[in-house]
């Protein structure tokens, strides 16, 4: 019984990993295509935090080092 459970968990995890990688590849492809059709505005961004805590220090630290950084936080309602 235990072996069946482990096989199921490993298969589910593998399926999720494969699906996640496909979505990341799709996002990269769409981003690359969109970047061909747009012109840069302002300074290049060194860091873009997405779905991060509003208290994440990473953006602030990058800005203190003189880099362009933006945060798009995730807020639970």
N, C-alpha and C. Protein backbone atom coordinates (compact mmCIF):
# COMPACT_ATOMS: atom_id res chain seq x y z
N UNK A 1 0.82 -1.19 0.00
CA UNK A 1 0.00 0.00 0.00
C UNK A 1 0.86 1.26 0.00
N UNK A 2 1.89 1.27 0.80
CA UNK A 2 2.76 2.44 0.89
C UNK A 2 3.42 2.74 -0.46
N UNK A 3 3.86 1.71 -1.15
CA UNK A 3 4.51 1.92 -2.45
C UNK A 3 3.55 2.56 -3.45
N UNK A 4 2.28 2.15 -3.46
CA UNK A 4 1.29 2.75 -4.36
C UNK A 4 1.14 4.24 -4.06
N UNK A 5 1.07 4.59 -2.78
CA UNK A 5 0.90 5.99 -2.38
C UNK A 5 2.09 6.81 -2.85
N UNK A 6 3.30 6.30 -2.67
CA UNK A 6 4.50 7.03 -3.08
C UNK A 6 4.54 7.21 -4.59
N UNK A 7 4.13 6.20 -5.34
CA UNK A 7 4.09 6.32 -6.80
C UNK A 7 3.10 7.39 -7.22
N UNK A 8 1.94 7.45 -6.56
CA UNK A 8 0.92 8.44 -6.89
C UNK A 8 1.45 9.85 -6.61
N UNK A 9 2.05 10.03 -5.46
CA UNK A 9 2.59 11.35 -5.10
C UNK A 9 3.68 11.76 -6.09
N UNK A 10 4.59 10.87 -6.40
CA UNK A 10 5.67 11.20 -7.35
C UNK A 10 5.11 11.53 -8.72
N UNK A 11 4.08 10.79 -9.15
CA UNK A 11 3.49 11.06 -10.46
C UNK A 11 2.81 12.42 -10.47
N UNK A 12 2.07 12.74 -9.43
CA UNK A 12 1.39 14.04 -9.34
C UNK A 12 2.42 15.16 -9.32
N UNK A 13 3.47 14.99 -8.54
CA UNK A 13 4.51 16.02 -8.47
C UNK A 13 5.18 16.18 -9.83
N UNK A 14 5.45 15.08 -10.51
CA UNK A 14 6.08 15.15 -11.83
C UNK A 14 5.16 15.85 -12.82
N UNK A 15 3.87 15.53 -12.79
CA UNK A 15 2.91 16.18 -13.68
C UNK A 15 2.86 17.69 -13.44
N UNK A 16 2.86 18.08 -12.18
CA UNK A 16 2.84 19.50 -11.83
C UNK A 16 4.11 20.19 -12.29
N UNK A 17 5.23 19.52 -12.15
CA UNK A 17 6.51 20.07 -12.59
C UNK A 17 6.52 20.28 -14.10
N UNK A 18 6.05 19.29 -14.83
CA UNK A 18 6.00 19.39 -16.29
C UNK A 18 5.07 20.53 -16.70
N UNK A 19 3.90 20.63 -16.07
CA UNK A 19 2.95 21.69 -16.40
C UNK A 19 3.53 23.07 -16.06
N UNK A 20 4.21 23.17 -14.92
CA UNK A 20 4.82 24.44 -14.53
C UNK A 20 5.89 24.87 -15.53
N UNK A 21 6.70 23.93 -15.96
CA UNK A 21 7.76 24.25 -16.92
C UNK A 21 7.17 24.70 -18.26
N UNK A 22 6.07 24.07 -18.69
CA UNK A 22 5.41 24.48 -19.93
C UNK A 22 4.86 25.89 -19.82
N UNK A 23 4.27 26.22 -18.66
CA UNK A 23 3.74 27.57 -18.46
C UNK A 23 4.84 28.61 -18.43
N UNK A 24 5.96 28.27 -17.80
CA UNK A 24 7.10 29.20 -17.77
C UNK A 24 7.64 29.42 -19.17
N UNK A 25 7.76 28.36 -19.95
CA UNK A 25 8.24 28.48 -21.33
C UNK A 25 7.27 29.33 -22.15
N UNK A 26 5.96 29.13 -21.97
CA UNK A 26 4.96 29.93 -22.68
C UNK A 26 5.09 31.41 -22.30
N UNK A 27 5.25 31.68 -21.01
CA UNK A 27 5.42 33.06 -20.54
C UNK A 27 6.67 33.69 -21.15
N UNK A 28 7.78 32.96 -21.16
CA UNK A 28 9.01 33.48 -21.75
C UNK A 28 8.83 33.79 -23.24
N UNK A 29 8.17 32.90 -23.95
CA UNK A 29 7.94 33.10 -25.39
C UNK A 29 7.08 34.33 -25.63
N UNK A 30 5.98 34.45 -24.87
CA UNK A 30 5.10 35.61 -25.03
C UNK A 30 5.80 36.91 -24.67
N UNK A 31 6.60 36.89 -23.62
CA UNK A 31 7.35 38.08 -23.22
C UNK A 31 8.35 38.48 -24.28
N UNK A 32 9.04 37.50 -24.84
CA UNK A 32 10.02 37.77 -25.90
C UNK A 32 9.33 38.39 -27.12
N UNK A 33 8.19 37.84 -27.51
CA UNK A 33 7.46 38.37 -28.66
C UNK A 33 6.95 39.79 -28.39
N UNK A 34 6.44 40.03 -27.19
CA UNK A 34 5.94 41.36 -26.85
C UNK A 34 7.08 42.38 -26.81
N UNK A 35 8.26 41.95 -26.37
CA UNK A 35 9.40 42.88 -26.29
C UNK A 35 9.88 43.31 -27.67
N UNK A 36 9.60 42.51 -28.69
CA UNK A 36 9.97 42.89 -30.05
C UNK A 36 9.09 44.03 -30.57
N UNK A 37 7.89 44.18 -30.01
CA UNK A 37 6.94 45.17 -30.51
C UNK A 37 6.89 46.44 -29.67
N UNK A 38 7.74 46.55 -28.67
CA UNK A 38 7.71 47.73 -27.80
C UNK A 38 9.07 48.40 -27.77
N UNK A 39 9.05 49.68 -27.43
CA UNK A 39 10.29 50.42 -27.27
C UNK A 39 10.53 50.67 -25.79
N UNK A 40 11.78 50.66 -25.36
CA UNK A 40 12.08 50.92 -23.94
C UNK A 40 11.66 52.32 -23.53
N UNK A 41 11.20 52.45 -22.31
CA UNK A 41 10.84 53.75 -21.74
C UNK A 41 11.63 53.92 -20.44
N UNK A 42 12.51 54.85 -20.39
CA UNK A 42 13.28 55.09 -19.18
C UNK A 42 14.43 54.11 -19.01
N UNK A 43 14.92 54.07 -17.77
CA UNK A 43 16.06 53.20 -17.45
C UNK A 43 15.63 51.73 -17.45
N UNK A 44 16.56 50.85 -17.81
CA UNK A 44 16.26 49.41 -17.70
C UNK A 44 16.07 49.01 -16.23
N UNK A 45 15.19 48.09 -15.98
CA UNK A 45 14.93 47.63 -14.62
C UNK A 45 15.84 46.43 -14.34
N UNK A 46 16.56 46.52 -13.23
CA UNK A 46 17.45 45.43 -12.82
C UNK A 46 16.68 44.34 -12.08
N UNK A 47 15.61 44.73 -11.38
CA UNK A 47 14.86 43.76 -10.59
C UNK A 47 13.38 44.11 -10.63
N UNK A 48 12.56 43.10 -10.84
CA UNK A 48 11.11 43.25 -10.78
C UNK A 48 10.59 42.14 -9.89
N UNK A 49 10.09 42.52 -8.70
CA UNK A 49 9.53 41.53 -7.78
C UNK A 49 8.04 41.41 -8.06
N UNK A 50 7.57 40.19 -8.19
CA UNK A 50 6.16 39.93 -8.49
C UNK A 50 5.60 38.99 -7.44
N UNK A 51 4.40 39.29 -6.96
CA UNK A 51 3.71 38.49 -5.94
C UNK A 51 4.56 38.34 -4.68
N UNK A 52 5.19 39.41 -4.29
CA UNK A 52 6.03 39.38 -3.10
C UNK A 52 5.31 40.08 -1.95
N UNK A 53 5.84 39.93 -0.79
CA UNK A 53 5.31 40.61 0.38
C UNK A 53 5.56 42.11 0.26
N UNK A 54 4.65 42.89 0.81
CA UNK A 54 4.86 44.35 0.79
C UNK A 54 6.05 44.74 1.66
N UNK A 55 6.51 43.82 2.48
CA UNK A 55 7.67 44.08 3.34
C UNK A 55 8.95 43.45 2.81
N UNK A 56 8.92 42.92 1.61
CA UNK A 56 10.11 42.31 1.04
C UNK A 56 11.21 43.37 0.89
N UNK A 57 12.38 43.13 1.46
CA UNK A 57 13.44 44.14 1.44
C UNK A 57 14.26 44.15 0.14
N UNK A 58 14.03 43.21 -0.74
CA UNK A 58 14.89 43.07 -1.91
C UNK A 58 14.86 44.31 -2.81
N UNK A 59 13.66 44.81 -3.12
CA UNK A 59 13.55 46.01 -3.96
C UNK A 59 14.26 47.20 -3.32
N UNK A 60 14.03 47.39 -2.03
CA UNK A 60 14.67 48.51 -1.32
C UNK A 60 16.19 48.40 -1.36
N UNK A 61 16.71 47.20 -1.14
CA UNK A 61 18.16 47.00 -1.16
C UNK A 61 18.75 47.30 -2.54
N UNK A 62 18.07 46.85 -3.58
CA UNK A 62 18.55 47.13 -4.95
C UNK A 62 18.56 48.64 -5.22
N UNK A 63 17.51 49.33 -4.78
CA UNK A 63 17.44 50.78 -4.98
C UNK A 63 18.56 51.48 -4.21
N UNK A 64 18.86 51.00 -3.01
CA UNK A 64 19.95 51.58 -2.23
C UNK A 64 21.30 51.40 -2.92
N UNK A 65 21.42 50.35 -3.71
CA UNK A 65 22.66 50.10 -4.45
C UNK A 65 22.70 50.87 -5.78
N UNK A 66 21.64 51.64 -6.05
CA UNK A 66 21.61 52.46 -7.26
C UNK A 66 20.99 51.79 -8.47
N UNK A 67 20.34 50.66 -8.27
CA UNK A 67 19.70 49.95 -9.37
C UNK A 67 18.23 50.34 -9.47
N UNK A 68 17.68 50.20 -10.65
CA UNK A 68 16.27 50.42 -10.88
C UNK A 68 15.53 49.13 -10.47
N UNK A 69 14.58 49.23 -9.54
CA UNK A 69 13.85 48.05 -9.07
C UNK A 69 12.40 48.42 -8.77
N UNK A 70 11.49 47.51 -9.10
CA UNK A 70 10.07 47.72 -8.86
C UNK A 70 9.48 46.50 -8.17
N UNK A 71 8.39 46.74 -7.43
CA UNK A 71 7.71 45.65 -6.73
C UNK A 71 6.23 45.69 -7.08
N UNK A 72 5.70 44.54 -7.45
CA UNK A 72 4.26 44.35 -7.62
C UNK A 72 3.87 43.30 -6.61
N UNK A 73 3.48 43.75 -5.42
CA UNK A 73 3.20 42.83 -4.33
C UNK A 73 1.87 42.10 -4.48
N UNK A 74 1.73 41.11 -3.65
CA UNK A 74 0.51 40.30 -3.60
C UNK A 74 -0.18 40.62 -2.29
N UNK A 75 -1.41 41.06 -2.36
CA UNK A 75 -2.15 41.43 -1.16
C UNK A 75 -3.36 40.52 -1.01
N UNK A 76 -3.48 39.90 0.15
CA UNK A 76 -4.66 39.09 0.44
C UNK A 76 -5.78 40.02 0.92
N UNK A 77 -6.97 39.75 0.47
CA UNK A 77 -8.10 40.60 0.89
C UNK A 77 -9.06 39.85 1.76
